[in-house]
Amino acid sequence: MPLMNVFHDGDGFPRIVLADPSGSSAEVLLYGGQVVSWKNERREELLFMSSKAIWKPPKAIRGGLPVFFPQFGNLGTSERNGFARNRFWTIDSDPSPLPPSNNHSSVDLLLKSTDEDLKIWPRSFELRLRVSLSAGKLTLIPRVRNTDTKPFSFTFALRNYLSVSDISEVRVEGLETLDYLDNLMRRERFTEQADAITFDGEVDRIYLSSPPKIAIIDHEKKRTFVLRKDGMPDAGMWNPWDKRAKTVPDLGYEDYKTMLCVDSAVTETPIVLKPLEEWKGYQELSTVSSSYCSGQLDPRKVLYGF
């Protein structure tokens, strides 16, 4: 087992604190297997957490990086966005076939189906998540194994609540020309026409067959998030804006201004696993210090490497 700090706070949520020699850190709860904090070497928080987040089971915690399984949104027979985000996970002592995580800045978590889960979703599974921290980078590797006697299918997402300075000053690159499903228009299918996505109202979309790299550019903070992913071909995007925010009980009225969700997802084509088969995804979040507004950073260099 790697050395790690497990803290039991007064809120009843055991948390694992990962630290990197650069000064960056991450906090992961056993509740939901959820990353709730990621700070850079300057101790700046990079993830959004709702000012009205409810830290009390069985409520899901609004913010950080919740895990959506066995379904994303309402696409399935389970509860909305699944139940993995409001279950207590355990530390996984045998993460094979991944090599054991042998450094201080990594933790392996495990969620196994319980009798209670089988009543909601009658399929036996093991869901694993490796969270790794390095300088300027946070990596999540989710895996689902079918431990049932028959095949099953599921959808999945890692929701990334990113902290931004002002949503109206944010642009997203890498999703142009893609088809998307608009959840505000009864999941009607559209094609993205903009060169870059900017925000002036509520957004709730799923971009289909998205590229492995997406850039989220925060002009005011002169910071770009780079989202790299594999095995999760779709990309969710959500910001409730002002009117919708007032209908979300665990979201502050002004919170929408400093958040953007960009999700790594499998939604249009569910994953199908035969007994003993395993699916693996990969997500890496990193930050690039940018002076994009002065032309020093071309987001195409971030996206395409030239």
C-alpha atoms as a PDB file:
ATOM      1  CA  MET A   1       0.000   0.000   0.000  1.00  0.00           C
ATOM      2  CA  PRO A   2       1.292   3.505  -0.732  1.00  0.00           C
ATOM      3  CA  LEU A   3       1.827   5.916   2.106  1.00  0.00           C
ATOM      4  CA  MET A   4      -1.094   8.295   2.295  1.00  0.00           C
ATOM      5  CA  ASN A   5      -2.798  10.522   4.799  1.00  0.00           C
ATOM      6  CA  VAL A   6      -6.363   9.513   5.687  1.00  0.00           C
ATOM      7  CA  PHE A   7      -8.162  12.161   7.719  1.00  0.00           C
ATOM      8  CA  HIS A   8     -11.447  11.770   9.590  1.00  0.00           C
ATOM      9  CA  ASP A   9     -12.968  15.229   9.749  1.00  0.00           C
ATOM     10  CA  GLY A  10     -15.847  16.277  11.946  1.00  0.00           C
ATOM     11  CA  ASP A  11     -18.204  16.111   8.960  1.00  0.00           C
ATOM     12  CA  GLY A  12     -17.961  12.298   9.004  1.00  0.00           C
ATOM     13  CA  PHE A  13     -16.281  12.074   5.600  1.00  0.00           C
ATOM     14  CA  PRO A  14     -12.990  10.142   5.669  1.00  0.00           C
ATOM     15  CA  ARG A  15     -10.730  11.800   3.107  1.00  0.00           C
ATOM     16  CA  ILE A  16      -7.418  10.915   1.502  1.00  0.00           C
ATOM     17  CA  VAL A  17      -5.030  13.820   1.004  1.00  0.00           C
ATOM     18  CA  LEU A  18      -2.554  13.472  -1.855  1.00  0.00           C
ATOM     19  CA  ALA A  19       0.428  15.818  -1.949  1.00  0.00           C
ATOM     20  CA  ASP A  20       3.114  16.488  -4.535  1.00  0.00           C
ATOM     21  CA  PRO A  21       6.611  17.892  -3.848  1.00  0.00           C
ATOM     22  CA  SER A  22       5.726  20.844  -6.090  1.00  0.00           C
ATOM     23  CA  GLY A  23       3.199  21.952  -3.446  1.00  0.00           C
ATOM     24  CA  SER A  24       0.057  20.837  -5.280  1.00  0.00           C
ATOM     25  CA  SER A  25      -2.527  18.727  -3.446  1.00  0.00           C
ATOM     26  CA  ALA A  26      -5.793  16.843  -3.908  1.00  0.00           C
ATOM     27  CA  GLU A  27      -8.439  15.601  -1.498  1.00  0.00           C
ATOM     28  CA  VAL A  28     -10.484  12.483  -2.245  1.00  0.00           C
ATOM     29  CA  LEU A  29     -13.484  11.338  -0.215  1.00  0.00           C
ATOM     30  CA  LEU A  30     -14.335   7.692   0.335  1.00  0.00           C
ATOM     31  CA  TYR A  31     -17.913   8.956  -0.003  1.00  0.00           C
ATOM     32  CA  GLY A  32     -18.607   8.819  -3.731  1.00  0.00           C
ATOM     33  CA  GLY A  33     -14.932   8.200  -4.521  1.00  0.00           C
ATOM     34  CA  GLN A  34     -15.092  11.925  -5.168  1.00  0.00           C
ATOM     35  CA  VAL A  35     -12.223  14.365  -5.589  1.00  0.00           C
ATOM     36  CA  VAL A  36     -13.380  17.491  -3.740  1.00  0.00           C
ATOM     37  CA  SER A  37     -10.235  19.636  -3.955  1.00  0.00           C
ATOM     38  CA  TRP A  38      -7.315  20.085  -6.327  1.00  0.00           C
ATOM     39  CA  LYS A  39      -4.876  22.887  -5.594  1.00  0.00           C
ATOM     40  CA  ASN A  40      -1.894  23.976  -7.662  1.00  0.00           C
ATOM     41  CA  GLU A  41       1.592  24.699  -6.345  1.00  0.00           C
ATOM     42  CA  ARG A  42       0.432  28.236  -5.394  1.00  0.00           C
ATOM     43  CA  ARG A  43      -2.370  26.671  -3.295  1.00  0.00           C
ATOM     44  CA  GLU A  44      -5.044  28.039  -5.636  1.00  0.00           C
ATOM     45  CA  GLU A  45      -8.185  25.881  -5.747  1.00  0.00           C
ATOM     46  CA  LEU A  46      -8.820  24.632  -9.299  1.00  0.00           C
ATOM     47  CA  LEU A  47     -12.146  22.865  -8.707  1.00  0.00           C
ATOM     48  CA  PHE A  48     -15.492  24.512  -8.018  1.00  0.00           C
ATOM     49  CA  MET A  49     -17.476  23.587  -4.908  1.00  0.00           C
ATOM     50  CA  SER A  50     -21.007  24.900  -4.439  1.00  0.00           C
ATOM     51  CA  SER A  51     -21.442  27.397  -1.607  1.00  0.00           C
ATOM     52  CA  LYS A  52     -24.576  25.401  -0.682  1.00  0.00           C
ATOM     53  CA  ALA A  53     -23.147  21.891  -1.133  1.00  0.00           C
ATOM     54  CA  ILE A  54     -24.836  19.374   1.191  1.00  0.00           C
ATOM     55  CA  TRP A  55     -22.199  17.344   3.046  1.00  0.00           C
ATOM     56  CA  LYS A  56     -24.612  14.776   4.392  1.00  0.00           C
ATOM     57  CA  PRO A  57     -25.319  11.286   3.016  1.00  0.00           C
ATOM     58  CA  PRO A  58     -27.227  10.206   1.037  1.00  0.00           C
ATOM     59  CA  LYS A  59     -27.032  13.543  -0.795  1.00  0.00           C
ATOM     60  CA  ALA A  60     -24.493  13.851  -3.603  1.00  0.00           C
ATOM     61  CA  ILE A  61     -21.927  16.622  -3.117  1.00  0.00           C
ATOM     62  CA  ARG A  62     -22.226  19.355  -5.748  1.00  0.00           C
ATOM     63  CA  GLY A  63     -18.705  20.179  -6.858  1.00  0.00           C
ATOM     64  CA  GLY A  64     -15.315  18.610  -7.400  1.00  0.00           C
ATOM     65  CA  LEU A  65     -15.243  15.493  -9.611  1.00  0.00           C
ATOM     66  CA  PRO A  66     -18.273  13.239  -9.020  1.00  0.00           C
ATOM     67  CA  VAL A  67     -18.422   9.792 -10.661  1.00  0.00           C
ATOM     68  CA  PHE A  68     -21.620   9.004 -12.582  1.00  0.00           C
ATOM     69  CA  PHE A  69     -22.322   5.242 -12.782  1.00  0.00           C
ATOM     70  CA  PRO A  70     -24.177   3.132 -13.922  1.00  0.00           C
ATOM     71  CA  GLN A  71     -25.832   5.897 -15.886  1.00  0.00           C
ATOM     72  CA  PHE A  72     -25.242   9.468 -16.994  1.00  0.00           C
ATOM     73  CA  GLY A  73     -28.274  11.757 -16.709  1.00  0.00           C
ATOM     74  CA  ASN A  74     -31.634  10.079 -17.190  1.00  0.00           C
ATOM     75  CA  LEU A  75     -30.409   7.573 -19.774  1.00  0.00           C
ATOM     76  CA  GLY A  76     -31.281   4.316 -18.050  1.00  0.00           C
ATOM     77  CA  THR A  77     -33.311   2.617 -15.344  1.00  0.00           C
ATOM     78  CA  SER A  78     -31.170   3.682 -12.376  1.00  0.00           C
ATOM     79  CA  GLU A  79     -31.446   7.002 -10.543  1.00  0.00           C
ATOM     80  CA  ARG A  80     -30.319  10.160 -12.335  1.00  0.00           C
ATOM     81  CA  ASN A  81     -26.517  10.124 -12.739  1.00  0.00           C
ATOM     82  CA  GLY A  82     -26.404   6.755 -10.980  1.00  0.00           C
ATOM     83  CA  PHE A  83     -25.674   5.819  -7.382  1.00  0.00           C
ATOM     84  CA  ALA A  84     -21.856   5.546  -7.245  1.00  0.00           C
ATOM     85  CA  ARG A  85     -21.594   9.187  -6.170  1.00  0.00           C
ATOM     86  CA  ASN A  86     -23.541   8.607  -2.955  1.00  0.00           C
ATOM     87  CA  ARG A  87     -22.024   5.330  -1.770  1.00  0.00           C
ATOM     88  CA  PHE A  88     -19.048   4.852   0.544  1.00  0.00           C
ATOM     89  CA  TRP A  89     -16.114   3.346  -1.345  1.00  0.00           C
ATOM     90  CA  THR A  90     -13.124   1.492   0.153  1.00  0.00           C
ATOM     91  CA  ILE A  91      -9.386   1.730  -0.451  1.00  0.00           C
ATOM     92  CA  ASP A  92      -8.459  -0.952  -2.988  1.00  0.00           C
ATOM     93  CA  SER A  93      -5.519  -3.074  -1.841  1.00  0.00           C
ATOM     94  CA  ASP A  94      -5.315  -5.065  -5.094  1.00  0.00           C
ATOM     95  CA  PRO A  95      -5.806  -2.804  -8.136  1.00  0.00           C
ATOM     96  CA  SER A  96      -4.636  -5.403 -10.686  1.00  0.00           C
ATOM     97  CA  PRO A  97      -4.178  -5.536 -13.625  1.00  0.00           C
ATOM     98  CA  LEU A  98      -2.932  -1.974 -13.044  1.00  0.00           C
ATOM     99  CA  PRO A  99       0.445  -2.040 -11.318  1.00  0.00           C
ATOM    100  CA  PRO A 100       0.172  -1.162  -7.612  1.00  0.00           C
ATOM    101  CA  SER A 101       0.368   2.551  -6.971  1.00  0.00           C
ATOM    102  CA  ASN A 102       3.618   2.800  -5.072  1.00  0.00           C
ATOM    103  CA  ASN A 103       3.963   6.502  -4.513  1.00  0.00           C
ATOM    104  CA  HIS A 104       2.579   8.991  -2.030  1.00  0.00           C
ATOM    105  CA  SER A 105       0.500  10.851  -4.604  1.00  0.00           C
ATOM    106  CA  SER A 106      -1.860   8.106  -5.752  1.00  0.00           C
ATOM    107  CA  VAL A 107      -4.785   6.180  -4.310  1.00  0.00           C
ATOM    108  CA  ASP A 108      -6.879   3.261  -5.576  1.00  0.00           C
ATOM    109  CA  LEU A 109     -10.557   3.135  -4.608  1.00  0.00           C
ATOM    110  CA  LEU A 110     -13.129   0.364  -4.992  1.00  0.00           C
ATOM    111  CA  LEU A 111     -16.917   0.175  -5.042  1.00  0.00           C
ATOM    112  CA  LYS A 112     -18.588  -3.249  -5.138  1.00  0.00           C
ATOM    113  CA  SER A 113     -22.290  -3.824  -5.687  1.00  0.00           C
ATOM    114  CA  THR A 114     -24.247  -4.420  -2.486  1.00  0.00           C
ATOM    115  CA  ASP A 115     -27.607  -6.087  -1.930  1.00  0.00           C
ATOM    116  CA  GLU A 116     -29.095  -2.589  -1.759  1.00  0.00           C
ATOM    117  CA  ASP A 117     -27.572  -1.679  -5.136  1.00  0.00           C
ATOM    118  CA  LEU A 118     -28.802  -4.917  -6.717  1.00  0.00           C
ATOM    119  CA  LYS A 119     -32.383  -3.908  -5.869  1.00  0.00           C
ATOM    120  CA  ILE A 120     -31.908  -0.671  -7.837  1.00  0.00           C
ATOM    121  CA  TRP A 121     -29.731  -2.066 -10.632  1.00  0.00           C
ATOM    122  CA  PRO A 122     -29.701  -5.895 -10.613  1.00  0.00           C
ATOM    123  CA  ARG A 123     -26.167  -6.399 -11.943  1.00  0.00           C
ATOM    124  CA  SER A 124     -23.103  -7.410  -9.979  1.00  0.00           C
ATOM    125  CA  PHE A 125     -20.048  -5.195 -10.596  1.00  0.00           C
ATOM    126  CA  GLU A 126     -16.764  -3.824  -9.313  1.00  0.00           C
ATOM    127  CA  LEU A 127     -15.996  -0.160  -9.991  1.00  0.00           C
ATOM    128  CA  ARG A 128     -12.415   0.959  -9.443  1.00  0.00           C
ATOM    129  CA  LEU A 129     -10.895   4.416  -9.559  1.00  0.00           C
ATOM    130  CA  ARG A 130      -7.246   5.417  -9.423  1.00  0.00           C
ATOM    131  CA  VAL A 131      -6.586   9.064  -8.584  1.00  0.00           C
ATOM    132  CA  SER A 132      -3.020  10.271  -9.195  1.00  0.00           C
ATOM    133  CA  LEU A 133      -1.513  13.680  -8.550  1.00  0.00           C
ATOM    134  CA  SER A 134       1.659  15.104 -10.086  1.00  0.00           C
ATOM    135  CA  ALA A 135       2.953  18.617 -10.687  1.00  0.00           C
ATOM    136  CA  GLY A 136       0.206  20.499 -12.540  1.00  0.00           C
ATOM    137  CA  LYS A 137      -1.733  17.330 -13.340  1.00  0.00           C
ATOM    138  CA  LEU A 138      -4.610  15.264 -11.915  1.00  0.00           C
ATOM    139  CA  THR A 139      -5.247  11.840 -13.474  1.00  0.00           C
ATOM    140  CA  LEU A 140      -8.258   9.551 -12.965  1.00  0.00           C
ATOM    141  CA  ILE A 141      -8.446   5.984 -14.274  1.00  0.00           C
ATOM    142  CA  PRO A 142     -11.927   4.451 -13.834  1.00  0.00           C
ATOM    143  CA  ARG A 143     -12.542   0.749 -14.439  1.00  0.00           C
ATOM    144  CA  VAL A 144     -15.717  -1.337 -14.401  1.00  0.00           C
ATOM    145  CA  ARG A 145     -15.650  -5.142 -14.152  1.00  0.00           C
ATOM    146  CA  ASN A 146     -18.661  -7.387 -14.751  1.00  0.00           C
ATOM    147  CA  THR A 147     -18.796  -9.843 -11.825  1.00  0.00           C
ATOM    148  CA  ASP A 148     -22.261 -11.050 -12.854  1.00  0.00           C
ATOM    149  CA  THR A 149     -23.212 -14.230 -14.717  1.00  0.00           C
ATOM    150  CA  LYS A 150     -24.744 -12.339 -17.640  1.00  0.00           C
ATOM    151  CA  PRO A 151     -23.735  -9.349 -19.806  1.00  0.00           C
ATOM    152  CA  PHE A 152     -24.733  -5.835 -18.800  1.00  0.00           C
ATOM    153  CA  SER A 153     -24.506  -2.342 -20.292  1.00  0.00           C
ATOM    154  CA  PHE A 154     -23.949   1.037 -18.645  1.00  0.00           C
ATOM    155  CA  THR A 155     -23.195   4.681 -19.331  1.00  0.00           C
ATOM    156  CA  PHE A 156     -20.581   6.592 -17.364  1.00  0.00           C
ATOM    157  CA  ALA A 157     -19.172  10.058 -16.776  1.00  0.00           C
ATOM    158  CA  LEU A 158     -16.556  11.923 -14.785  1.00  0.00           C
ATOM    159  CA  ARG A 159     -18.062  15.349 -14.159  1.00  0.00           C
ATOM    160  CA  ASN A 160     -15.438  18.072 -13.823  1.00  0.00           C
ATOM    161  CA  TYR A 161     -16.636  21.126 -11.904  1.00  0.00           C
ATOM    162  CA  LEU A 162     -13.931  23.570 -12.972  1.00  0.00           C
ATOM    163  CA  SER A 163     -13.357  26.821 -11.081  1.00  0.00           C
ATOM    164  CA  VAL A 164     -13.325  29.838 -13.395  1.00  0.00           C
ATOM    165  CA  SER A 165     -13.035  33.558 -12.719  1.00  0.00           C
ATOM    166  CA  ASP A 166     -16.046  34.653 -14.789  1.00  0.00           C
ATOM    167  CA  ILE A 167     -18.017  32.272 -17.015  1.00  0.00           C
ATOM    168  CA  SER A 168     -18.704  35.067 -19.531  1.00  0.00           C
ATOM    169  CA  GLU A 169     -14.916  35.368 -20.066  1.00  0.00           C
ATOM    170  CA  VAL A 170     -14.354  31.638 -20.694  1.00  0.00           C
ATOM    171  CA  ARG A 171     -14.021  29.923 -24.057  1.00  0.00           C
ATOM    172  CA  VAL A 172     -13.793  26.224 -24.889  1.00  0.00           C
ATOM    173  CA  GLU A 173     -11.850  24.968 -27.898  1.00  0.00           C
ATOM    174  CA  GLY A 174     -11.738  21.502 -29.432  1.00  0.00           C
ATOM    175  CA  LEU A 175     -15.492  20.873 -29.826  1.00  0.00           C
ATOM    176  CA  GLU A 176     -16.111  22.958 -32.943  1.00  0.00           C
ATOM    177  CA  THR A 177     -17.959  21.226 -35.852  1.00  0.00           C
ATOM    178  CA  LEU A 178     -19.108  18.372 -33.574  1.00  0.00           C
ATOM    179  CA  ASP A 179     -22.655  17.102 -33.251  1.00  0.00           C
ATOM    180  CA  TYR A 180     -24.214  17.565 -29.818  1.00  0.00           C
ATOM    181  CA  LEU A 181     -27.405  16.635 -27.998  1.00  0.00           C
ATOM    182  CA  ASP A 182     -29.079  19.666 -26.424  1.00  0.00           C
ATOM    183  CA  ASN A 183     -30.764  18.709 -23.143  1.00  0.00           C
ATOM    184  CA  LEU A 184     -32.563  22.075 -23.157  1.00  0.00           C
ATOM    185  CA  MET A 185     -34.228  21.078 -26.451  1.00  0.00           C
ATOM    186  CA  ARG A 186     -35.375  17.565 -25.541  1.00  0.00           C
ATOM    187  CA  ARG A 187     -32.040  16.064 -26.584  1.00  0.00           C
ATOM    188  CA  GLU A 188     -32.397  17.330 -30.144  1.00  0.00           C
ATOM    189  CA  ARG A 189     -29.235  16.884 -32.204  1.00  0.00           C
ATOM    190  CA  PHE A 190     -27.370  19.945 -33.520  1.00  0.00           C
ATOM    191  CA  THR A 191     -23.972  20.652 -35.054  1.00  0.00           C
ATOM    192  CA  GLU A 192     -21.671  23.144 -33.323  1.00  0.00           C
ATOM    193  CA  GLN A 193     -21.205  26.149 -35.621  1.00  0.00           C
ATOM    194  CA  ALA A 194     -18.951  28.345 -33.469  1.00  0.00           C
ATOM    195  CA  ASP A 195     -15.158  28.417 -33.805  1.00  0.00           C
ATOM    196  CA  ALA A 196     -14.988  28.375 -30.003  1.00  0.00           C
ATOM    197  CA  ILE A 197     -17.729  27.973 -27.421  1.00  0.00           C
ATOM    198  CA  THR A 198     -18.456  31.008 -25.244  1.00  0.00           C
ATOM    199  CA  PHE A 199     -21.188  31.484 -22.644  1.00  0.00           C
ATOM    200  CA  ASP A 200     -24.035  33.966 -22.319  1.00  0.00           C
ATOM    201  CA  GLY A 201     -26.831  31.692 -21.023  1.00  0.00           C
ATOM    202  CA  GLU A 202     -27.720  28.234 -19.760  1.00  0.00           C
ATOM    203  CA  VAL A 203     -25.880  25.330 -21.416  1.00  0.00           C
ATOM    204  CA  ASP A 204     -26.646  21.613 -21.010  1.00  0.00           C
ATOM    205  CA  ARG A 205     -25.178  19.578 -23.862  1.00  0.00           C
ATOM    206  CA  ILE A 206     -23.448  16.332 -24.730  1.00  0.00           C
ATOM    207  CA  TYR A 207     -20.897  16.612 -27.542  1.00  0.00           C
ATOM    208  CA  LEU A 208     -20.585  13.319 -29.408  1.00  0.00           C
ATOM    209  CA  SER A 209     -17.369  11.608 -30.534  1.00  0.00           C
ATOM    210  CA  SER A 210     -15.276  14.423 -29.129  1.00  0.00           C
ATOM    211  CA  PRO A 211     -11.491  14.615 -29.578  1.00  0.00           C
ATOM    212  CA  PRO A 212      -9.081  13.307 -26.926  1.00  0.00           C
ATOM    213  CA  LYS A 213      -8.067  16.859 -25.944  1.00  0.00           C
ATOM    214  CA  ILE A 214     -10.239  19.881 -25.013  1.00  0.00           C
ATOM    215  CA  ALA A 215      -9.004  23.317 -23.870  1.00  0.00           C
ATOM    216  CA  ILE A 216     -10.948  25.503 -21.422  1.00  0.00           C
ATOM    217  CA  ILE A 217      -9.457  29.004 -21.568  1.00  0.00           C
ATOM    218  CA  ASP A 218      -9.999  31.394 -18.644  1.00  0.00           C
ATOM    219  CA  HIS A 219      -8.970  34.841 -19.911  1.00  0.00           C
ATOM    220  CA  GLU A 220      -9.187  36.634 -16.582  1.00  0.00           C
ATOM    221  CA  LYS A 221      -7.099  34.097 -14.641  1.00  0.00           C
ATOM    222  CA  LYS A 222      -4.752  33.683 -17.630  1.00  0.00           C
ATOM    223  CA  ARG A 223      -5.119  29.954 -17.145  1.00  0.00           C
ATOM    224  CA  THR A 224      -6.082  27.157 -19.493  1.00  0.00           C
ATOM    225  CA  PHE A 225      -7.397  23.786 -18.335  1.00  0.00           C
ATOM    226  CA  VAL A 226      -6.490  20.972 -20.707  1.00  0.00           C
ATOM    227  CA  LEU A 227      -8.741  17.903 -20.522  1.00  0.00           C
ATOM    228  CA  ARG A 228      -7.314  14.734 -22.075  1.00  0.00           C
ATOM    229  CA  LYS A 229      -9.391  11.584 -22.137  1.00  0.00           C
ATOM    230  CA  ASP A 230      -9.540   8.085 -23.558  1.00  0.00           C
ATOM    231  CA  GLY A 231     -12.290   5.474 -23.566  1.00  0.00           C
ATOM    232  CA  MET A 232     -14.890   8.184 -22.921  1.00  0.00           C
ATOM    233  CA  PRO A 233     -15.738   9.530 -26.380  1.00  0.00           C
ATOM    234  CA  ASP A 234     -18.440  12.034 -25.404  1.00  0.00           C
ATOM    235  CA  ALA A 235     -18.108  15.356 -23.577  1.00  0.00           C
ATOM    236  CA  GLY A 236     -20.810  16.847 -21.385  1.00  0.00           C
ATOM    237  CA  MET A 237     -21.039  20.584 -20.801  1.00  0.00           C
ATOM    238  CA  TRP A 238     -23.173  22.306 -18.162  1.00  0.00           C
ATOM    239  CA  ASN A 239     -23.695  25.731 -16.677  1.00  0.00           C
ATOM    240  CA  PRO A 240     -27.149  26.526 -15.228  1.00  0.00           C
ATOM    241  CA  TRP A 241     -26.931  30.349 -15.565  1.00  0.00           C
ATOM    242  CA  ASP A 242     -29.007  32.570 -13.296  1.00  0.00           C
ATOM    243  CA  LYS A 243     -32.630  31.394 -13.636  1.00  0.00           C
ATOM    244  CA  ARG A 244     -31.895  27.684 -13.502  1.00  0.00           C
ATOM    245  CA  ALA A 245     -29.393  28.179 -10.649  1.00  0.00           C
ATOM    246  CA  LYS A 246     -32.225  29.483  -8.469  1.00  0.00           C
ATOM    247  CA  THR A 247     -34.069  26.165  -8.898  1.00  0.00           C
ATOM    248  CA  VAL A 248     -31.105  24.038  -7.760  1.00  0.00           C
ATOM    249  CA  PRO A 249     -31.351  23.860  -3.956  1.00  0.00           C
ATOM    250  CA  ASP A 250     -27.696  22.976  -3.323  1.00  0.00           C
ATOM    251  CA  LEU A 251     -26.274  25.680  -5.613  1.00  0.00           C
ATOM    252  CA  GLY A 252     -25.758  29.301  -4.573  1.00  0.00           C
ATOM    253  CA  TYR A 253     -27.557  31.895  -6.723  1.00  0.00           C
ATOM    254  CA  GLU A 254     -24.287  33.466  -7.876  1.00  0.00           C
ATOM    255  CA  ASP A 255     -22.271  30.237  -8.089  1.00  0.00           C
ATOM    256  CA  TYR A 256     -22.902  29.777 -11.810  1.00  0.00           C
ATOM    257  CA  LYS A 257     -20.568  32.704 -12.535  1.00  0.00           C
ATOM    258  CA  THR A 258     -17.484  30.866 -11.265  1.00  0.00           C
ATOM    259  CA  MET A 259     -18.071  27.320 -12.539  1.00  0.00           C
ATOM    260  CA  LEU A 260     -18.139  25.289 -15.712  1.00  0.00           C
ATOM    261  CA  CYS A 261     -18.725  21.548 -15.988  1.00  0.00           C
ATOM    262  CA  VAL A 262     -16.919  19.766 -18.811  1.00  0.00           C
ATOM    263  CA  ASP A 263     -17.420  16.013 -18.497  1.00  0.00           C
ATOM    264  CA  SER A 264     -15.652  12.947 -19.855  1.00  0.00           C
ATOM    265  CA  ALA A 265     -18.528  10.646 -20.748  1.00  0.00           C
ATOM    266  CA  VAL A 266     -19.761   7.471 -22.400  1.00  0.00           C
ATOM    267  CA  THR A 267     -23.374   8.130 -23.234  1.00  0.00           C
ATOM    268  CA  GLU A 268     -24.413   7.787 -26.883  1.00  0.00           C
ATOM    269  CA  THR A 269     -23.166   4.190 -27.189  1.00  0.00           C
ATOM    270  CA  PRO A 270     -23.321   2.395 -23.819  1.00  0.00           C
ATOM    271  CA  ILE A 271     -20.492   0.076 -22.795  1.00  0.00           C
ATOM    272  CA  VAL A 272     -21.437  -3.627 -22.926  1.00  0.00           C
ATOM    273  CA  LEU A 273     -19.465  -6.060 -20.757  1.00  0.00           C
ATOM    274  CA  LYS A 274     -19.660  -9.837 -20.769  1.00  0.00           C
ATOM    275  CA  PRO A 275     -19.051 -11.678 -17.481  1.00  0.00           C
ATOM    276  CA  LEU A 276     -15.505 -11.015 -16.156  1.00  0.00           C
ATOM    277  CA  GLU A 277     -14.811  -8.398 -18.844  1.00  0.00           C
ATOM    278  CA  GLU A 278     -13.429  -5.016 -17.757  1.00  0.00           C
ATOM    279  CA  TRP A 279     -13.775  -1.529 -19.249  1.00  0.00           C
ATOM    280  CA  LYS A 280     -11.139   1.111 -18.595  1.00  0.00           C
ATOM    281  CA  GLY A 281     -11.269   4.875 -19.099  1.00  0.00           C
ATOM    282  CA  TYR A 282      -8.655   7.581 -18.667  1.00  0.00           C
ATOM    283  CA  GLN A 283      -8.846  11.268 -17.841  1.00  0.00           C
ATOM    284  CA  GLU A 284      -6.067  13.775 -17.267  1.00  0.00           C
ATOM    285  CA  LEU A 285      -6.648  17.373 -16.179  1.00  0.00           C
ATOM    286  CA  SER A 286      -3.757  19.797 -16.393  1.00  0.00           C
ATOM    287  CA  THR A 287      -3.327  23.550 -16.351  1.00  0.00           C
ATOM    288  CA  VAL A 288      -1.273  25.782 -18.591  1.00  0.00           C
ATOM    289  CA  SER A 289      -0.430  29.285 -17.475  1.00  0.00           C
ATOM    290  CA  SER A 290      -1.502  31.465 -20.371  1.00  0.00           C
ATOM    291  CA  SER A 291      -1.416  35.049 -21.548  1.00  0.00           C
ATOM    292  CA  TYR A 292      -3.823  34.162 -24.322  1.00  0.00           C
ATOM    293  CA  CYS A 293      -5.342  37.651 -24.352  1.00  0.00           C
ATOM    294  CA  SER A 294      -1.932  39.051 -25.317  1.00  0.00           C
ATOM    295  CA  GLY A 295      -1.525  36.445 -28.019  1.00  0.00           C
ATOM    296  CA  GLN A 296       1.246  34.488 -26.307  1.00  0.00           C
ATOM    297  CA  LEU A 297      -0.693  31.247 -26.143  1.00  0.00           C
ATOM    298  CA  ASP A 298      -2.334  29.867 -29.230  1.00  0.00           C
ATOM    299  CA  PRO A 299      -4.919  27.346 -27.973  1.00  0.00           C
ATOM    300  CA  ARG A 300      -4.291  25.310 -31.119  1.00  0.00           C
ATOM    301  CA  LYS A 301      -0.807  24.635 -29.780  1.00  0.00           C
ATOM    302  CA  VAL A 302      -2.389  23.294 -26.612  1.00  0.00           C
ATOM    303  CA  LEU A 303      -4.890  21.195 -28.550  1.00  0.00           C
ATOM    304  CA  TYR A 304      -2.843  19.956 -31.448  1.00  0.00           C
ATOM    305  CA  GLY A 305       0.745  20.408 -30.315  1.00  0.00           C
ATOM    306  CA  PHE A 306       2.003  22.740 -33.016  1.00  0.00           C
END
